[in-house]
């Protein structure tokens, strides 16, 4: 069973930075080339795709974070990262790690596949 555990959330001021981590467990038999992504959600809003990485390591970003956020993956450590720079108050949300070991790539990488496994979420709060 695949499990995801996020860490690294917290508070930051406008213009600051934070790095989120997502440790992946239970994927040994699947190798390391599969879909992973970060999503975020504010109460009362739909979950929004922030950044994704495909089985080849190619990255994809929402327009709202392009140039400020960087998604990366350490296959040796089975860990996904999201470095968030130049943070804005509108980046405040619960951030969720997502993985689907049955998906290598999909046409819209910021829409979660049907078989997506989710982490428990980590809160990011940006103050002005």
N, C-alpha and C. Protein backbone atom coordinates (compact mmCIF):
# COMPACT_ATOMS: atom_id res chain seq x y z
N UNK A 1 0.85 -1.19 0.00
CA UNK A 1 0.00 0.00 0.00
C UNK A 1 0.89 1.24 0.00
N UNK A 2 0.60 2.16 -0.93
CA UNK A 2 1.37 3.39 -1.02
C UNK A 2 0.87 4.38 0.03
N UNK A 3 1.80 4.98 0.74
CA UNK A 3 1.46 6.02 1.73
C UNK A 3 2.37 7.22 1.53
N UNK A 4 1.79 8.39 1.74
CA UNK A 4 2.51 9.65 1.57
C UNK A 4 2.47 10.42 2.88
N UNK A 5 3.61 10.97 3.28
CA UNK A 5 3.69 11.75 4.52
C UNK A 5 4.36 13.08 4.23
N UNK A 6 3.59 14.17 4.36
CA UNK A 6 4.12 15.51 4.09
C UNK A 6 4.73 16.11 5.34
N UNK A 7 5.64 17.04 5.12
CA UNK A 7 6.21 17.84 6.21
C UNK A 7 6.74 19.13 5.63
N UNK A 8 7.04 20.09 6.50
CA UNK A 8 7.67 21.33 6.07
C UNK A 8 6.76 22.52 5.98
N UNK A 9 5.47 22.34 6.23
CA UNK A 9 4.58 23.49 6.21
C UNK A 9 4.85 24.40 7.39
N UNK A 10 4.19 25.55 7.38
CA UNK A 10 4.37 26.50 8.48
C UNK A 10 3.98 27.88 8.04
N UNK A 11 4.56 28.86 8.72
CA UNK A 11 4.24 30.26 8.44
C UNK A 11 5.43 30.97 7.81
N UNK A 12 5.11 31.92 6.95
CA UNK A 12 6.14 32.73 6.32
C UNK A 12 5.57 34.10 6.03
N UNK A 13 6.43 35.05 5.83
CA UNK A 13 6.00 36.39 5.45
C UNK A 13 6.03 36.51 3.93
N UNK A 14 5.31 37.49 3.44
CA UNK A 14 5.31 37.77 2.01
C UNK A 14 6.75 37.94 1.52
N UNK A 15 7.05 37.26 0.42
CA UNK A 15 8.40 37.32 -0.12
C UNK A 15 9.33 36.25 0.43
N UNK A 16 8.88 35.53 1.44
CA UNK A 16 9.71 34.49 2.04
C UNK A 16 9.63 33.19 1.28
N UNK A 17 10.21 32.15 1.87
CA UNK A 17 10.23 30.86 1.20
C UNK A 17 10.01 29.73 2.20
N UNK A 18 9.49 28.62 1.70
CA UNK A 18 9.30 27.40 2.46
C UNK A 18 9.54 26.23 1.52
N UNK A 19 9.98 25.12 2.08
CA UNK A 19 10.13 23.90 1.29
C UNK A 19 9.32 22.78 1.93
N UNK A 20 8.43 22.19 1.14
CA UNK A 20 7.63 21.06 1.58
C UNK A 20 8.29 19.76 1.14
N UNK A 21 8.14 18.73 1.96
CA UNK A 21 8.65 17.40 1.62
C UNK A 21 7.52 16.38 1.68
N UNK A 22 7.64 15.36 0.87
CA UNK A 22 6.64 14.29 0.86
C UNK A 22 7.38 12.96 0.75
N UNK A 23 7.41 12.22 1.84
CA UNK A 23 8.05 10.91 1.85
C UNK A 23 7.06 9.87 1.35
N UNK A 24 7.53 9.01 0.45
CA UNK A 24 6.67 8.01 -0.18
C UNK A 24 7.04 6.64 0.35
N UNK A 25 6.06 5.90 0.82
CA UNK A 25 6.29 4.57 1.37
C UNK A 25 5.47 3.55 0.58
N UNK A 26 6.02 2.33 0.47
CA UNK A 26 5.28 1.25 -0.16
C UNK A 26 5.36 1.22 -1.67
N UNK A 27 6.39 1.85 -2.27
CA UNK A 27 6.47 1.92 -3.74
C UNK A 27 7.59 1.07 -4.31
N UNK A 28 8.25 0.28 -3.51
CA UNK A 28 9.43 -0.46 -3.97
C UNK A 28 9.15 -1.27 -5.23
N UNK A 29 8.02 -1.92 -5.26
CA UNK A 29 7.72 -2.80 -6.39
C UNK A 29 7.33 -2.02 -7.64
N UNK A 30 7.12 -0.70 -7.51
CA UNK A 30 6.68 0.09 -8.65
C UNK A 30 7.83 0.87 -9.28
N UNK A 31 9.03 0.82 -8.70
CA UNK A 31 10.12 1.61 -9.22
C UNK A 31 9.94 3.07 -8.84
N UNK A 32 10.51 3.98 -9.64
CA UNK A 32 10.48 5.40 -9.27
C UNK A 32 9.88 6.27 -10.36
N UNK A 33 9.44 5.69 -11.46
CA UNK A 33 8.97 6.50 -12.58
C UNK A 33 7.45 6.51 -12.62
N UNK A 34 6.86 7.43 -11.88
CA UNK A 34 5.40 7.54 -11.84
C UNK A 34 5.00 8.97 -11.52
N UNK A 35 3.73 9.23 -11.64
CA UNK A 35 3.15 10.56 -11.46
C UNK A 35 3.19 10.96 -9.99
N UNK A 36 3.65 12.23 -9.77
CA UNK A 36 3.54 12.82 -8.45
C UNK A 36 3.22 14.31 -8.62
N UNK A 37 2.59 14.87 -7.62
CA UNK A 37 2.17 16.26 -7.74
C UNK A 37 1.89 16.86 -6.37
N UNK A 38 1.79 18.18 -6.36
CA UNK A 38 1.35 18.94 -5.19
C UNK A 38 0.06 19.66 -5.57
N UNK A 39 -0.90 19.60 -4.65
CA UNK A 39 -2.16 20.32 -4.78
C UNK A 39 -2.34 21.18 -3.53
N UNK A 40 -3.24 22.15 -3.63
CA UNK A 40 -3.55 22.95 -2.45
C UNK A 40 -5.03 23.25 -2.42
N UNK A 41 -5.52 23.54 -1.22
CA UNK A 41 -6.94 23.79 -1.05
C UNK A 41 -7.19 24.71 0.12
N UNK A 42 -8.00 25.72 -0.13
CA UNK A 42 -8.51 26.59 0.93
C UNK A 42 -9.89 26.09 1.31
N UNK A 43 -10.32 26.31 2.55
CA UNK A 43 -11.68 25.91 2.92
C UNK A 43 -12.71 26.55 1.99
N UNK A 44 -13.65 25.76 1.50
CA UNK A 44 -14.70 26.28 0.65
C UNK A 44 -14.33 26.40 -0.81
N UNK A 45 -13.12 25.98 -1.16
CA UNK A 45 -12.71 26.03 -2.56
C UNK A 45 -12.32 24.65 -3.05
N UNK A 46 -12.22 24.50 -4.35
CA UNK A 46 -11.82 23.22 -4.91
C UNK A 46 -10.31 23.04 -4.79
N UNK A 47 -9.88 21.77 -4.72
CA UNK A 47 -8.46 21.49 -4.68
C UNK A 47 -7.83 21.90 -6.02
N UNK A 48 -6.69 22.60 -5.93
CA UNK A 48 -6.04 23.18 -7.11
C UNK A 48 -4.69 22.52 -7.34
N UNK A 49 -4.42 22.12 -8.57
CA UNK A 49 -3.10 21.59 -8.90
C UNK A 49 -2.08 22.70 -8.91
N UNK A 50 -0.95 22.49 -8.23
CA UNK A 50 0.09 23.50 -8.12
C UNK A 50 1.28 23.15 -9.00
N UNK A 51 1.78 21.92 -8.88
CA UNK A 51 2.94 21.48 -9.64
C UNK A 51 2.92 19.97 -9.73
N UNK A 52 3.46 19.45 -10.82
CA UNK A 52 3.48 17.99 -11.03
C UNK A 52 4.77 17.58 -11.72
N UNK A 53 5.09 16.29 -11.57
CA UNK A 53 6.28 15.75 -12.20
C UNK A 53 5.92 14.39 -12.79
N UNK A 54 6.32 14.14 -14.04
CA UNK A 54 5.94 12.88 -14.66
C UNK A 54 7.04 11.83 -14.50
N UNK A 55 6.83 10.66 -15.07
CA UNK A 55 7.77 9.56 -14.89
C UNK A 55 9.14 9.81 -15.48
N UNK A 56 9.25 10.79 -16.37
CA UNK A 56 10.55 11.14 -16.94
C UNK A 56 11.21 12.28 -16.19
N UNK A 57 10.52 12.80 -15.18
CA UNK A 57 11.07 13.91 -14.42
C UNK A 57 10.73 15.27 -15.00
N UNK A 58 9.89 15.31 -16.02
CA UNK A 58 9.47 16.58 -16.57
C UNK A 58 8.48 17.24 -15.61
N UNK A 59 8.59 18.57 -15.46
CA UNK A 59 7.78 19.29 -14.48
C UNK A 59 6.73 20.18 -15.14
N UNK A 60 5.67 20.42 -14.39
CA UNK A 60 4.52 21.19 -14.87
C UNK A 60 4.05 22.07 -13.72
N UNK A 61 3.65 23.31 -14.04
CA UNK A 61 3.28 24.26 -13.01
C UNK A 61 2.00 25.00 -13.36
N UNK A 62 1.23 25.34 -12.33
CA UNK A 62 0.12 26.26 -12.51
C UNK A 62 0.68 27.64 -12.81
N UNK A 63 -0.06 28.41 -13.60
CA UNK A 63 0.42 29.75 -13.95
C UNK A 63 0.65 30.61 -12.71
N UNK A 64 -0.15 30.39 -11.68
CA UNK A 64 -0.07 31.23 -10.48
C UNK A 64 1.23 31.04 -9.70
N UNK A 65 1.95 29.94 -9.95
CA UNK A 65 3.18 29.69 -9.19
C UNK A 65 4.40 29.59 -10.08
N UNK A 66 4.22 29.66 -11.38
CA UNK A 66 5.33 29.51 -12.32
C UNK A 66 6.38 30.57 -12.05
N UNK A 67 7.63 30.14 -11.98
CA UNK A 67 8.73 31.06 -11.70
C UNK A 67 8.98 31.27 -10.22
N UNK A 68 8.06 30.82 -9.36
CA UNK A 68 8.23 30.99 -7.90
C UNK A 68 8.40 29.65 -7.19
N UNK A 69 7.73 28.63 -7.67
CA UNK A 69 7.78 27.30 -7.05
C UNK A 69 8.57 26.35 -7.92
N UNK A 70 9.24 25.38 -7.26
CA UNK A 70 9.98 24.35 -7.97
C UNK A 70 9.66 22.99 -7.37
N UNK A 71 9.21 22.07 -8.22
CA UNK A 71 8.95 20.70 -7.78
C UNK A 71 10.14 19.84 -8.17
N UNK A 72 10.52 18.95 -7.28
CA UNK A 72 11.64 18.05 -7.58
C UNK A 72 11.43 16.74 -6.84
N UNK A 73 12.18 15.73 -7.27
CA UNK A 73 12.03 14.42 -6.67
C UNK A 73 13.39 13.76 -6.51
N UNK A 74 13.63 13.20 -5.34
CA UNK A 74 14.84 12.44 -5.07
C UNK A 74 14.44 10.96 -5.09
N UNK A 75 14.76 10.28 -6.19
CA UNK A 75 14.33 8.88 -6.33
C UNK A 75 15.02 7.96 -5.34
N UNK A 76 16.26 8.28 -4.96
CA UNK A 76 16.98 7.44 -3.99
C UNK A 76 16.31 7.49 -2.62
N UNK A 77 15.76 8.65 -2.28
CA UNK A 77 15.11 8.83 -0.97
C UNK A 77 13.60 8.65 -1.05
N UNK A 78 13.07 8.40 -2.26
CA UNK A 78 11.61 8.31 -2.43
C UNK A 78 10.91 9.52 -1.80
N UNK A 79 11.39 10.69 -2.12
CA UNK A 79 10.86 11.92 -1.53
C UNK A 79 10.61 12.97 -2.60
N UNK A 80 9.46 13.59 -2.51
CA UNK A 80 9.06 14.68 -3.40
C UNK A 80 9.20 15.98 -2.64
N UNK A 81 9.62 17.03 -3.33
CA UNK A 81 9.80 18.33 -2.70
C UNK A 81 9.02 19.40 -3.47
N UNK A 82 8.68 20.46 -2.74
CA UNK A 82 8.14 21.66 -3.36
C UNK A 82 8.82 22.85 -2.69
N UNK A 83 9.73 23.49 -3.42
CA UNK A 83 10.35 24.70 -2.90
C UNK A 83 9.49 25.87 -3.34
N UNK A 84 9.04 26.65 -2.38
CA UNK A 84 8.16 27.78 -2.64
C UNK A 84 8.90 29.07 -2.31
N UNK A 85 9.10 29.90 -3.33
CA UNK A 85 9.79 31.16 -3.13
C UNK A 85 8.88 32.33 -3.44
N UNK A 86 9.32 33.54 -3.01
CA UNK A 86 8.53 34.76 -3.23
C UNK A 86 7.06 34.53 -2.87
N UNK A 87 6.85 34.01 -1.68
CA UNK A 87 5.50 33.65 -1.26
C UNK A 87 4.58 34.85 -1.16
N UNK A 88 3.31 34.61 -1.46
CA UNK A 88 2.28 35.65 -1.42
C UNK A 88 1.16 35.18 -0.48
N UNK A 89 0.39 36.12 0.08
CA UNK A 89 -0.72 35.72 0.95
C UNK A 89 -1.69 34.76 0.27
N UNK A 90 -1.87 34.89 -1.02
CA UNK A 90 -2.78 33.99 -1.75
C UNK A 90 -2.25 32.57 -1.88
N UNK A 91 -1.01 32.33 -1.47
CA UNK A 91 -0.47 30.97 -1.43
C UNK A 91 -0.90 30.23 -0.17
N UNK A 92 -1.54 30.94 0.75
CA UNK A 92 -2.02 30.31 1.98
C UNK A 92 -3.05 29.23 1.66
N UNK A 93 -2.79 28.01 2.15
CA UNK A 93 -3.69 26.89 1.88
C UNK A 93 -3.14 25.65 2.57
N UNK A 94 -3.95 24.58 2.56
CA UNK A 94 -3.46 23.27 2.93
C UNK A 94 -2.86 22.65 1.67
N UNK A 95 -1.64 22.17 1.78
CA UNK A 95 -0.95 21.59 0.64
C UNK A 95 -0.93 20.06 0.77
N UNK A 96 -1.27 19.40 -0.34
CA UNK A 96 -1.36 17.95 -0.35
C UNK A 96 -0.40 17.36 -1.38
N UNK A 97 0.28 16.31 -0.98
CA UNK A 97 1.10 15.54 -1.89
C UNK A 97 0.23 14.46 -2.53
N UNK A 98 0.49 14.15 -3.79
CA UNK A 98 -0.31 13.15 -4.51
C UNK A 98 0.61 12.27 -5.33
N UNK A 99 0.24 11.00 -5.45
CA UNK A 99 1.01 10.05 -6.26
C UNK A 99 0.07 9.03 -6.89
N UNK A 100 0.41 8.62 -8.08
CA UNK A 100 -0.30 7.51 -8.74
C UNK A 100 0.75 6.64 -9.42
N UNK A 101 1.06 5.50 -8.83
CA UNK A 101 2.12 4.64 -9.35
C UNK A 101 1.71 3.94 -10.63
N UNK A 102 0.43 4.03 -11.04
CA UNK A 102 -0.02 3.41 -12.28
C UNK A 102 0.00 4.39 -13.45
N UNK A 103 0.36 5.64 -13.18
CA UNK A 103 0.37 6.70 -14.21
C UNK A 103 1.78 7.22 -14.42
N UNK A 104 2.22 7.23 -15.66
CA UNK A 104 3.54 7.76 -16.01
C UNK A 104 3.41 9.23 -16.43
N UNK A 105 2.33 9.49 -17.17
CA UNK A 105 2.07 10.84 -17.72
C UNK A 105 0.58 10.91 -18.05
N UNK A 106 0.02 12.11 -17.95
CA UNK A 106 -1.33 12.34 -18.42
C UNK A 106 -1.38 13.70 -19.08
N UNK A 107 -2.34 13.91 -19.95
CA UNK A 107 -2.37 15.12 -20.77
C UNK A 107 -2.47 16.37 -19.90
N UNK A 108 -3.30 16.33 -18.87
CA UNK A 108 -3.39 17.45 -17.94
C UNK A 108 -2.79 17.00 -16.62
N UNK A 109 -1.54 17.34 -16.42
CA UNK A 109 -0.80 16.85 -15.26
C UNK A 109 -1.28 17.48 -13.96
N UNK A 110 -2.04 18.56 -14.03
CA UNK A 110 -2.50 19.22 -12.82
C UNK A 110 -3.92 18.80 -12.43
N UNK A 111 -4.40 17.76 -13.10
CA UNK A 111 -5.66 17.12 -12.71
C UNK A 111 -5.30 15.74 -12.19
N UNK A 112 -5.70 15.39 -10.99
CA UNK A 112 -5.27 14.12 -10.41
C UNK A 112 -5.86 12.91 -11.12
N UNK A 113 -5.05 11.88 -11.37
CA UNK A 113 -5.59 10.64 -11.93
C UNK A 113 -6.58 9.98 -10.98
N UNK A 114 -7.36 9.05 -11.52
CA UNK A 114 -8.39 8.39 -10.73
C UNK A 114 -7.79 7.62 -9.56
N UNK A 115 -6.62 7.02 -9.77
CA UNK A 115 -6.02 6.16 -8.75
C UNK A 115 -5.06 6.91 -7.83
N UNK A 116 -5.21 8.21 -7.73
CA UNK A 116 -4.30 9.02 -6.91
C UNK A 116 -4.41 8.68 -5.43
N UNK A 117 -3.24 8.57 -4.81
CA UNK A 117 -3.13 8.43 -3.36
C UNK A 117 -2.75 9.80 -2.80
N UNK A 118 -3.33 10.20 -1.68
CA UNK A 118 -3.12 11.53 -1.11
C UNK A 118 -2.42 11.44 0.24
N UNK A 119 -1.61 12.47 0.52
CA UNK A 119 -1.08 12.62 1.86
C UNK A 119 -2.10 13.30 2.75
N UNK A 120 -1.72 13.50 4.00
CA UNK A 120 -2.65 14.07 4.97
C UNK A 120 -2.73 15.59 4.89
N UNK A 121 -1.79 16.20 4.21
CA UNK A 121 -1.79 17.65 4.06
C UNK A 121 -0.89 18.34 5.07
N UNK A 122 -0.38 19.50 4.66
CA UNK A 122 0.42 20.34 5.55
C UNK A 122 0.04 21.79 5.28
N UNK A 123 -0.18 22.55 6.37
CA UNK A 123 -0.68 23.91 6.24
C UNK A 123 0.45 24.89 5.95
N UNK A 124 0.20 25.77 4.99
CA UNK A 124 1.10 26.88 4.69
C UNK A 124 0.33 28.17 4.88
N UNK A 125 0.88 29.09 5.67
CA UNK A 125 0.23 30.37 5.93
C UNK A 125 1.22 31.48 5.63
N UNK A 126 0.83 32.39 4.75
CA UNK A 126 1.69 33.50 4.36
C UNK A 126 1.04 34.80 4.82
N UNK A 127 1.76 35.57 5.61
CA UNK A 127 1.23 36.82 6.13
C UNK A 127 1.83 38.00 5.37
N UNK A 128 1.03 39.05 5.28
CA UNK A 128 1.48 40.24 4.54
C UNK A 128 2.24 41.18 5.43
